Structure formats: C-alpha cells, structure tokens
C-alpha atoms as a PDB file:
ATOM      1  CA  MET A   1      87.831  92.273  78.514  1.00  0.00           C
ATOM      2  CA  PRO A   2      89.027  88.650  78.422  1.00  0.00           C
ATOM      3  CA  ARG A   3      89.353  86.772  81.681  1.00  0.00           C
ATOM      4  CA  ARG A   4      92.895  86.343  83.008  1.00  0.00           C
ATOM      5  CA  GLN A   5      94.409  82.894  83.358  1.00  0.00           C
ATOM      6  CA  LYS A   6      95.645  81.279  86.529  1.00  0.00           C
ATOM      7  CA  LEU A   7      99.340  80.556  86.506  1.00  0.00           C
ATOM      8  CA  SER A   8     100.804  77.116  87.041  1.00  0.00           C
ATOM      9  CA  ASP A   9     103.661  76.723  89.498  1.00  0.00           C
ATOM     10  CA  ASP A  10     106.054  76.187  86.598  1.00  0.00           C
ATOM     11  CA  ALA A  11     104.905  79.402  84.893  1.00  0.00           C
ATOM     12  CA  VAL A  12     105.374  81.350  88.128  1.00  0.00           C
ATOM     13  CA  ARG A  13     108.945  80.056  88.451  1.00  0.00           C
ATOM     14  CA  ARG A  14     109.679  81.042  84.841  1.00  0.00           C
ATOM     15  CA  ILE A  15     108.290  84.540  85.396  1.00  0.00           C
ATOM     16  CA  TYR A  16     110.300  84.912  88.605  1.00  0.00           C
ATOM     17  CA  THR A  17     113.587  84.012  86.894  1.00  0.00           C
ATOM     18  CA  SER A  18     112.945  85.472  83.435  1.00  0.00           C
ATOM     19  CA  LYS A  19     114.920  88.399  82.029  1.00  0.00           C
ATOM     20  CA  ASN A  20     112.112  89.353  79.605  1.00  0.00           C
ATOM     21  CA  SER A  21     110.082  92.500  80.165  1.00  0.00           C
ATOM     22  CA  ALA A  22     106.967  92.387  82.305  1.00  0.00           C
ATOM     23  CA  LYS A  23     104.894  93.449  79.308  1.00  0.00           C
ATOM     24  CA  GLU A  24     106.147  90.517  77.224  1.00  0.00           C
ATOM     25  CA  LEU A  25     105.586  88.038  80.043  1.00  0.00           C
ATOM     26  CA  SER A  26     102.088  89.314  80.767  1.00  0.00           C
ATOM     27  CA  ALA A  27     101.121  88.831  77.127  1.00  0.00           C
ATOM     28  CA  GLN A  28     102.742  85.396  77.005  1.00  0.00           C
ATOM     29  CA  TYR A  29     101.027  84.058  80.144  1.00  0.00           C
ATOM     30  CA  GLY A  30      97.756  85.991  79.899  1.00  0.00           C
ATOM     31  CA  VAL A  31      98.106  87.858  83.186  1.00  0.00           C
ATOM     32  CA  SER A  32      98.390  91.534  84.036  1.00  0.00           C
ATOM     33  CA  VAL A  33     101.703  93.372  84.049  1.00  0.00           C
ATOM     34  CA  ASN A  34     101.094  94.094  87.733  1.00  0.00           C
ATOM     35  CA  THR A  35     100.894  90.365  88.471  1.00  0.00           C
ATOM     36  CA  VAL A  36     104.285  89.873  86.823  1.00  0.00           C
ATOM     37  CA  TYR A  37     105.775  92.695  88.909  1.00  0.00           C
ATOM     38  CA  LEU A  38     104.328  91.275  92.125  1.00  0.00           C
ATOM     39  CA  ILE A  39     105.735  87.802  91.391  1.00  0.00           C
ATOM     40  CA  ARG A  40     109.167  89.246  90.630  1.00  0.00           C
ATOM     41  CA  GLN A  41     109.143  91.310  93.825  1.00  0.00           C
ATOM     42  CA  GLY A  42     108.281  88.218  95.840  1.00  0.00           C
ATOM     43  CA  ARG A  43     104.950  89.626  96.961  1.00  0.00           C
ATOM     44  CA  ARG A  44     102.852  86.943  95.211  1.00  0.00           C
ATOM     45  CA  ARG A  45     103.244  83.180  95.107  1.00  0.00           C
ATOM     46  CA  GLN A  46     106.106  83.044  97.623  1.00  0.00           C
ATOM     47  CA  ASP A  47     105.190  79.422  98.196  1.00  0.00           C
ATOM     48  CA  VAL A  48     106.375  78.642  94.663  1.00  0.00           C
ATOM     49  CA  THR A  49     109.289  81.040  94.208  1.00  0.00           C
ATOM     50  CA  GLY A  50     110.688  80.695  97.701  1.00  0.00           C
ATOM     51  CA  ALA A  51     111.040  84.471  97.844  1.00  0.00           C
ATOM     52  CA  SER A  52     110.722  86.283 101.110  1.00  0.00           C
ATOM     53  CA  SER A  53     108.597  89.397 100.846  1.00  0.00           C
ATOM     54  CA  GLY A  54     110.402  90.859 103.829  1.00  0.00           C
ATOM     55  CA  ARG A  55     108.201  93.140 105.875  1.00  0.00           C
ATOM     56  CA  SER A  56     104.440  92.883 105.965  1.00  0.00           C
ATOM     57  CA  VAL A  57     102.274  95.488 104.257  1.00  0.00           C
ATOM     58  CA  LYS A  58     101.542  97.111 107.613  1.00  0.00           C
ATOM     59  CA  GLN A  59     105.250  97.328 108.416  1.00  0.00           C
ATOM     60  CA  ARG A  60     106.083  98.802 104.991  1.00  0.00           C
ATOM     61  CA  ARG A  61     103.541 101.581 105.553  1.00  0.00           C
ATOM     62  CA  GLN A  62     104.960 102.534 108.929  1.00  0.00           C
ATOM     63  CA  VAL A  63     107.814 104.997 108.935  1.00  0.00           C
ATOM     64  CA  ARG A  64     109.715 104.908 112.154  1.00  0.00           C
ATOM     65  CA  ARG A  65     112.173 107.495 113.270  1.00  0.00           C
ATOM     66  CA  PRO A  66     115.212 106.432 115.229  1.00  0.00           C
ATOM     67  CA  ALA A  67     114.907 107.229 118.943  1.00  0.00           C
ATOM     68  CA  GLU A  68     117.477 110.045 118.735  1.00  0.00           C
ATOM     69  CA  ARG A  69     115.357 111.852 116.103  1.00  0.00           C
ATOM     70  CA  GLN A  70     112.141 111.903 118.101  1.00  0.00           C
ATOM     71  CA  VAL A  71     111.336 115.426 119.173  1.00  0.00           C
ATOM     72  CA  ASP A  72     110.098 116.560 122.571  1.00  0.00           C
ATOM     73  CA  ILE A  73     107.256 118.906 121.614  1.00  0.00           C
ATOM     74  CA  ASN A  74     107.430 120.921 124.820  1.00  0.00           C
ATOM     75  CA  ALA A  75     111.172 121.470 124.491  1.00  0.00           C
ATOM     76  CA  LEU A  76     110.744 122.513 120.869  1.00  0.00           C
ATOM     77  CA  ALA A  77     107.965 124.958 121.763  1.00  0.00           C
ATOM     78  CA  ASP A  78     110.109 126.463 124.545  1.00  0.00           C
ATOM     79  CA  ALA A  79     113.040 126.877 122.166  1.00  0.00           C
ATOM     80  CA  VAL A  80     110.884 128.618 119.549  1.00  0.00           C
ATOM     81  CA  ILE A  81     109.369 130.959 122.135  1.00  0.00           C
ATOM     82  CA  ASP A  82     112.810 131.820 123.529  1.00  0.00           C
ATOM     83  CA  ARG A  83     114.135 132.605 120.060  1.00  0.00           C
ATOM     84  CA  LEU A  84     111.128 134.800 119.260  1.00  0.00           C
ATOM     85  CA  LEU A  85     111.492 136.694 122.541  1.00  0.00           C
ATOM     86  CA  ARG A  86     115.184 137.346 121.844  1.00  0.00           C
ATOM     87  CA  ARG A  87     114.342 138.685 118.390  1.00  0.00           C
ATOM     88  CA  LEU A  88     111.616 140.925 119.797  1.00  0.00           C
ATOM     89  CA  LYS A  89     114.012 142.355 122.407  1.00  0.00           C
ATOM     90  CA  LYS A  90     116.430 143.330 119.592  1.00  0.00           C
ATOM     91  CA  LEU A  91     113.746 145.461 117.923  1.00  0.00           C
END
C-alpha cells in the first residue's frame, strides 16, 4: 500500500471548503477518505480551517440525562413492588 501524503495548509483549506465528494478529494490529495471527513467535520487541522470541533471526544461519549429524568432507584423499586402486590391481591 502506498504511503499517504501530508497535506499542506492550502490543501486542507481547499478540502474544507470543497463541494466535491470525499472519495474524489482523497484520490486527488493522496489521503484517506476518513481524513477528508475529519477535516470537513472540523476534527482535524482546526488550526488551519478555523473550525471549532465543539465538544471534546470525552464529552461526545458521555450521555447526560436532564436532572428531571434521573430516576430514584429506591422509589422505582417501591413502585414496582406496590404494583405487583396489587395485582397479586386481585388474583
């Protein structure tokens, strides 16, 4: 497999603003399609494109529930037990 080329700052800017497909750009500049996607998403070479990647990788992986959706485990267990007891009494 041939070695991939490093991109100049000018090439990175052209990839970032280009309307061509990632496959075409990867062939043109000798880089992987994934590299093109990462540049366009602002996750690589932000120093050149000026893009903000937003949240860090760690923050993107974390899924936070709003405070009102957090469940009290004990209250949930009590509610389930109460419901089961009511159903058993009906039998």
